[in-house]
Amino acid sequence: MKREIELKQTAIVKQTESVRVGHRMDPRLRRWSCSLLAVFGIFGGLSALFVGIVLVVIHGFMKSDAVFDRIGTDLLIAALPMILFGSIFVDKIPEKK
């Protein structure tokens, strides 16, 4: 019985050590990477919205065209997840102390 308790205690200590090691990252590197991903997501999503709207409007004037409609629709659909992706990384940017 005593040996089982010792084994359980050592297993718990090893798990906490492995969790702590995985979260160590240079704060400056994390700040830069999160900032770049946030900029790509937010501004990429906003630009995809504007370009998608322009392409759909162009398709409205050219009834026989299918390329502008398909690309414009794809950009409008992809814009929302990109903005959400960027907002997630805005929240993950570490604050300066």
N, C-alpha and C. Protein backbone atom coordinates (compact mmCIF):
# COMPACT_ATOMS: atom_id res chain seq x y z
N MET A 1 0.82 -1.18 0.00
CA MET A 1 0.00 0.00 0.00
C MET A 1 0.87 1.26 0.00
N LYS A 2 1.92 1.26 0.79
CA LYS A 2 2.79 2.42 0.89
C LYS A 2 3.51 2.67 -0.44
N ARG A 3 3.88 1.63 -1.13
CA ARG A 3 4.57 1.77 -2.40
C ARG A 3 3.64 2.36 -3.46
N GLU A 4 2.37 2.00 -3.46
CA GLU A 4 1.42 2.57 -4.42
C GLU A 4 1.24 4.07 -4.20
N ILE A 5 1.21 4.50 -2.97
CA ILE A 5 1.06 5.93 -2.68
C ILE A 5 2.29 6.69 -3.18
N GLU A 6 3.47 6.15 -3.03
CA GLU A 6 4.68 6.81 -3.50
C GLU A 6 4.68 6.93 -5.02
N LEU A 7 4.24 5.89 -5.71
CA LEU A 7 4.20 5.95 -7.16
C LEU A 7 3.20 6.99 -7.65
N LYS A 8 2.07 7.10 -7.02
CA LYS A 8 1.09 8.10 -7.42
C LYS A 8 1.63 9.51 -7.20
N GLN A 9 2.34 9.73 -6.13
CA GLN A 9 2.88 11.05 -5.85
C GLN A 9 3.95 11.44 -6.86
N THR A 10 4.79 10.53 -7.24
CA THR A 10 5.82 10.86 -8.23
C THR A 10 5.20 11.10 -9.60
N ALA A 11 4.15 10.41 -9.94
CA ALA A 11 3.50 10.64 -11.22
C ALA A 11 2.86 12.02 -11.27
N ILE A 12 2.29 12.47 -10.19
CA ILE A 12 1.68 13.80 -10.16
C ILE A 12 2.74 14.88 -10.29
N VAL A 13 3.87 14.72 -9.65
CA VAL A 13 4.95 15.71 -9.73
C VAL A 13 5.47 15.79 -11.16
N LYS A 14 5.62 14.68 -11.83
CA LYS A 14 6.11 14.70 -13.21
C LYS A 14 5.13 15.38 -14.14
N GLN A 15 3.83 15.23 -13.94
CA GLN A 15 2.85 15.88 -14.79
C GLN A 15 2.90 17.40 -14.64
N THR A 16 3.02 17.88 -13.42
CA THR A 16 3.05 19.34 -13.24
C THR A 16 4.32 19.93 -13.83
N GLU A 17 5.42 19.23 -13.77
CA GLU A 17 6.66 19.74 -14.36
C GLU A 17 6.56 19.81 -15.87
N SER A 18 5.95 18.80 -16.49
CA SER A 18 5.86 18.81 -17.95
C SER A 18 4.91 19.90 -18.44
N VAL A 19 3.88 20.22 -17.68
CA VAL A 19 2.97 21.28 -18.07
C VAL A 19 3.66 22.63 -17.98
N ARG A 20 4.46 22.86 -16.98
CA ARG A 20 5.14 24.13 -16.82
C ARG A 20 6.18 24.36 -17.92
N VAL A 21 6.86 23.33 -18.33
CA VAL A 21 7.90 23.48 -19.36
C VAL A 21 7.28 23.85 -20.70
N GLY A 22 6.11 23.35 -21.03
CA GLY A 22 5.49 23.62 -22.32
C GLY A 22 5.03 25.05 -22.51
N HIS A 23 4.82 25.81 -21.45
CA HIS A 23 4.29 27.15 -21.57
C HIS A 23 5.37 28.24 -21.54
N ARG A 24 6.60 27.86 -21.52
CA ARG A 24 7.66 28.87 -21.49
C ARG A 24 7.98 29.32 -22.90
N MET A 25 7.79 30.61 -23.13
CA MET A 25 8.09 31.20 -24.43
C MET A 25 8.54 32.62 -24.18
N ASP A 26 9.46 33.07 -24.95
CA ASP A 26 9.96 34.43 -24.78
C ASP A 26 8.80 35.42 -24.95
N PRO A 27 8.57 36.29 -23.98
CA PRO A 27 7.43 37.22 -24.08
C PRO A 27 7.50 38.14 -25.29
N ARG A 28 8.73 38.53 -25.67
CA ARG A 28 8.84 39.40 -26.85
C ARG A 28 8.46 38.65 -28.12
N LEU A 29 8.88 37.39 -28.23
CA LEU A 29 8.52 36.58 -29.39
C LEU A 29 7.03 36.32 -29.43
N ARG A 30 6.45 36.03 -28.28
CA ARG A 30 5.02 35.79 -28.23
C ARG A 30 4.24 37.06 -28.58
N ARG A 31 4.71 38.21 -28.09
CA ARG A 31 4.04 39.48 -28.39
C ARG A 31 4.07 39.76 -29.88
N TRP A 32 5.24 39.55 -30.51
CA TRP A 32 5.36 39.80 -31.96
C TRP A 32 4.52 38.83 -32.77
N SER A 33 4.58 37.56 -32.43
CA SER A 33 3.83 36.58 -33.23
C SER A 33 2.33 36.78 -33.08
N CYS A 34 1.86 37.05 -31.87
CA CYS A 34 0.43 37.29 -31.69
C CYS A 34 0.00 38.58 -32.39
N SER A 35 0.86 39.59 -32.36
CA SER A 35 0.52 40.85 -33.03
C SER A 35 0.43 40.68 -34.54
N LEU A 36 1.38 39.95 -35.11
CA LEU A 36 1.35 39.74 -36.56
C LEU A 36 0.14 38.91 -36.98
N LEU A 37 -0.19 37.88 -36.22
CA LEU A 37 -1.36 37.08 -36.55
C LEU A 37 -2.65 37.87 -36.38
N ALA A 38 -2.69 38.75 -35.39
CA ALA A 38 -3.87 39.59 -35.20
C ALA A 38 -4.04 40.58 -36.35
N VAL A 39 -2.93 41.19 -36.76
CA VAL A 39 -2.99 42.14 -37.88
C VAL A 39 -3.43 41.43 -39.16
N PHE A 40 -2.86 40.26 -39.41
CA PHE A 40 -3.23 39.50 -40.61
C PHE A 40 -4.71 39.13 -40.57
N GLY A 41 -5.20 38.70 -39.43
CA GLY A 41 -6.59 38.29 -39.33
C GLY A 41 -7.56 39.44 -39.47
N ILE A 42 -7.33 40.51 -38.72
CA ILE A 42 -8.30 41.61 -38.73
C ILE A 42 -8.26 42.39 -40.04
N PHE A 43 -7.08 42.85 -40.44
CA PHE A 43 -7.01 43.64 -41.67
C PHE A 43 -7.18 42.79 -42.92
N GLY A 44 -6.76 41.56 -42.86
CA GLY A 44 -7.02 40.66 -43.99
C GLY A 44 -8.51 40.39 -44.15
N GLY A 45 -9.20 40.22 -43.03
CA GLY A 45 -10.64 40.00 -43.09
C GLY A 45 -11.39 41.22 -43.58
N LEU A 46 -10.99 42.40 -43.10
CA LEU A 46 -11.66 43.62 -43.57
C LEU A 46 -11.40 43.88 -45.05
N SER A 47 -10.18 43.65 -45.49
CA SER A 47 -9.89 43.85 -46.91
C SER A 47 -10.60 42.80 -47.77
N ALA A 48 -10.75 41.58 -47.25
CA ALA A 48 -11.50 40.57 -47.99
C ALA A 48 -12.96 40.96 -48.11
N LEU A 49 -13.52 41.59 -47.08
CA LEU A 49 -14.90 42.08 -47.16
C LEU A 49 -15.05 43.12 -48.26
N PHE A 50 -14.15 44.11 -48.28
CA PHE A 50 -14.27 45.17 -49.27
C PHE A 50 -14.05 44.65 -50.69
N VAL A 51 -13.05 43.82 -50.89
CA VAL A 51 -12.79 43.28 -52.22
C VAL A 51 -13.94 42.37 -52.65
N GLY A 52 -14.48 41.58 -51.73
CA GLY A 52 -15.61 40.71 -52.06
C GLY A 52 -16.84 41.50 -52.47
N ILE A 53 -17.12 42.60 -51.77
CA ILE A 53 -18.26 43.43 -52.14
C ILE A 53 -18.06 44.06 -53.51
N VAL A 54 -16.85 44.53 -53.78
CA VAL A 54 -16.56 45.13 -55.10
C VAL A 54 -16.74 44.09 -56.20
N LEU A 55 -16.27 42.88 -56.00
CA LEU A 55 -16.40 41.85 -57.02
C LEU A 55 -17.86 41.45 -57.24
N VAL A 56 -18.65 41.41 -56.19
CA VAL A 56 -20.07 41.08 -56.35
C VAL A 56 -20.80 42.20 -57.08
N VAL A 57 -20.42 43.45 -56.81
CA VAL A 57 -21.03 44.58 -57.54
C VAL A 57 -20.64 44.53 -59.01
N ILE A 58 -19.39 44.20 -59.31
CA ILE A 58 -18.97 44.06 -60.71
C ILE A 58 -19.77 42.95 -61.38
N HIS A 59 -20.01 41.87 -60.66
CA HIS A 59 -20.82 40.79 -61.22
C HIS A 59 -22.26 41.26 -61.50
N GLY A 60 -22.76 42.19 -60.70
CA GLY A 60 -24.10 42.72 -60.93
C GLY A 60 -24.21 43.45 -62.26
N PHE A 61 -23.15 44.09 -62.71
CA PHE A 61 -23.16 44.79 -63.99
C PHE A 61 -22.89 43.85 -65.16
N MET A 62 -22.16 42.77 -64.91
CA MET A 62 -21.84 41.81 -65.97
C MET A 62 -22.58 40.51 -65.67
N LYS A 63 -23.77 40.38 -66.22
CA LYS A 63 -24.63 39.24 -65.88
C LYS A 63 -24.07 37.89 -66.36
N SER A 64 -23.33 37.87 -67.43
CA SER A 64 -22.86 36.60 -67.98
C SER A 64 -21.58 36.08 -67.30
N ASP A 65 -21.03 36.85 -66.38
CA ASP A 65 -19.77 36.46 -65.74
C ASP A 65 -20.04 35.62 -64.49
N ALA A 66 -19.27 34.54 -64.30
CA ALA A 66 -19.43 33.69 -63.11
C ALA A 66 -18.20 33.75 -62.21
N VAL A 67 -17.09 34.23 -62.73
CA VAL A 67 -15.84 34.24 -61.97
C VAL A 67 -15.90 35.28 -60.85
N PHE A 68 -16.35 36.50 -61.17
CA PHE A 68 -16.42 37.54 -60.15
C PHE A 68 -17.39 37.16 -59.03
N ASP A 69 -18.49 36.52 -59.42
CA ASP A 69 -19.48 36.12 -58.42
C ASP A 69 -18.91 35.07 -57.47
N ARG A 70 -18.24 34.06 -58.01
CA ARG A 70 -17.70 33.00 -57.17
C ARG A 70 -16.58 33.51 -56.25
N ILE A 71 -15.67 34.28 -56.79
CA ILE A 71 -14.56 34.80 -55.98
C ILE A 71 -15.08 35.79 -54.93
N GLY A 72 -16.02 36.66 -55.33
CA GLY A 72 -16.58 37.61 -54.39
C GLY A 72 -17.30 36.92 -53.24
N THR A 73 -18.06 35.89 -53.56
CA THR A 73 -18.77 35.15 -52.52
C THR A 73 -17.80 34.43 -51.59
N ASP A 74 -16.77 33.83 -52.16
CA ASP A 74 -15.77 33.16 -51.33
C ASP A 74 -15.06 34.13 -50.40
N LEU A 75 -14.74 35.32 -50.89
CA LEU A 75 -14.09 36.32 -50.04
C LEU A 75 -15.02 36.81 -48.93
N LEU A 76 -16.29 36.98 -49.25
CA LEU A 76 -17.24 37.42 -48.23
C LEU A 76 -17.42 36.35 -47.15
N ILE A 77 -17.40 35.09 -47.54
CA ILE A 77 -17.54 34.00 -46.57
C ILE A 77 -16.26 33.87 -45.73
N ALA A 78 -15.10 34.02 -46.35
CA ALA A 78 -13.83 33.85 -45.62
C ALA A 78 -13.50 35.03 -44.71
N ALA A 79 -14.14 36.17 -44.92
CA ALA A 79 -13.80 37.36 -44.15
C ALA A 79 -14.15 37.23 -42.67
N LEU A 80 -15.31 36.68 -42.37
CA LEU A 80 -15.73 36.59 -40.96
C LEU A 80 -14.83 35.69 -40.12
N PRO A 81 -14.49 34.49 -40.58
CA PRO A 81 -13.55 33.70 -39.77
C PRO A 81 -12.18 34.35 -39.62
N MET A 82 -11.74 35.09 -40.64
CA MET A 82 -10.45 35.77 -40.53
C MET A 82 -10.49 36.86 -39.46
N ILE A 83 -11.58 37.61 -39.39
CA ILE A 83 -11.70 38.64 -38.37
C ILE A 83 -11.76 38.01 -36.98
N LEU A 84 -12.50 36.92 -36.84
CA LEU A 84 -12.56 36.22 -35.56
C LEU A 84 -11.19 35.67 -35.16
N PHE A 85 -10.46 35.13 -36.12
CA PHE A 85 -9.11 34.63 -35.90
C PHE A 85 -8.20 35.74 -35.38
N GLY A 86 -8.30 36.92 -36.00
CA GLY A 86 -7.49 38.04 -35.56
C GLY A 86 -7.86 38.53 -34.17
N SER A 87 -9.16 38.51 -33.85
CA SER A 87 -9.57 38.99 -32.53
C SER A 87 -9.14 38.02 -31.43
N ILE A 88 -9.03 36.76 -31.74
CA ILE A 88 -8.53 35.80 -30.75
C ILE A 88 -7.08 36.12 -30.40
N PHE A 89 -6.28 36.43 -31.41
CA PHE A 89 -4.87 36.73 -31.15
C PHE A 89 -4.66 38.12 -30.54
N VAL A 90 -5.61 39.03 -30.71
CA VAL A 90 -5.52 40.31 -30.00
C VAL A 90 -5.62 40.06 -28.51
N ASP A 91 -6.50 39.14 -28.11
CA ASP A 91 -6.66 38.83 -26.69
C ASP A 91 -5.45 38.10 -26.11
N LYS A 92 -4.69 37.40 -26.94
CA LYS A 92 -3.55 36.62 -26.45
C LYS A 92 -2.25 37.42 -26.38
N ILE A 93 -2.25 38.66 -26.81
CA ILE A 93 -1.04 39.48 -26.74
C ILE A 93 -0.75 39.78 -25.26
N PRO A 94 0.43 39.38 -24.78
CA PRO A 94 0.73 39.64 -23.36
C PRO A 94 0.97 41.13 -23.10
N GLU A 95 0.55 41.57 -21.93
CA GLU A 95 0.73 42.97 -21.56
C GLU A 95 2.14 43.21 -21.04
N LYS A 96 2.64 44.40 -21.25
CA LYS A 96 3.96 44.75 -20.71
C LYS A 96 3.82 45.01 -19.23
N LYS A 97 4.83 44.59 -18.47
CA LYS A 97 4.81 44.80 -17.02
C LYS A 97 5.63 45.99 -16.64
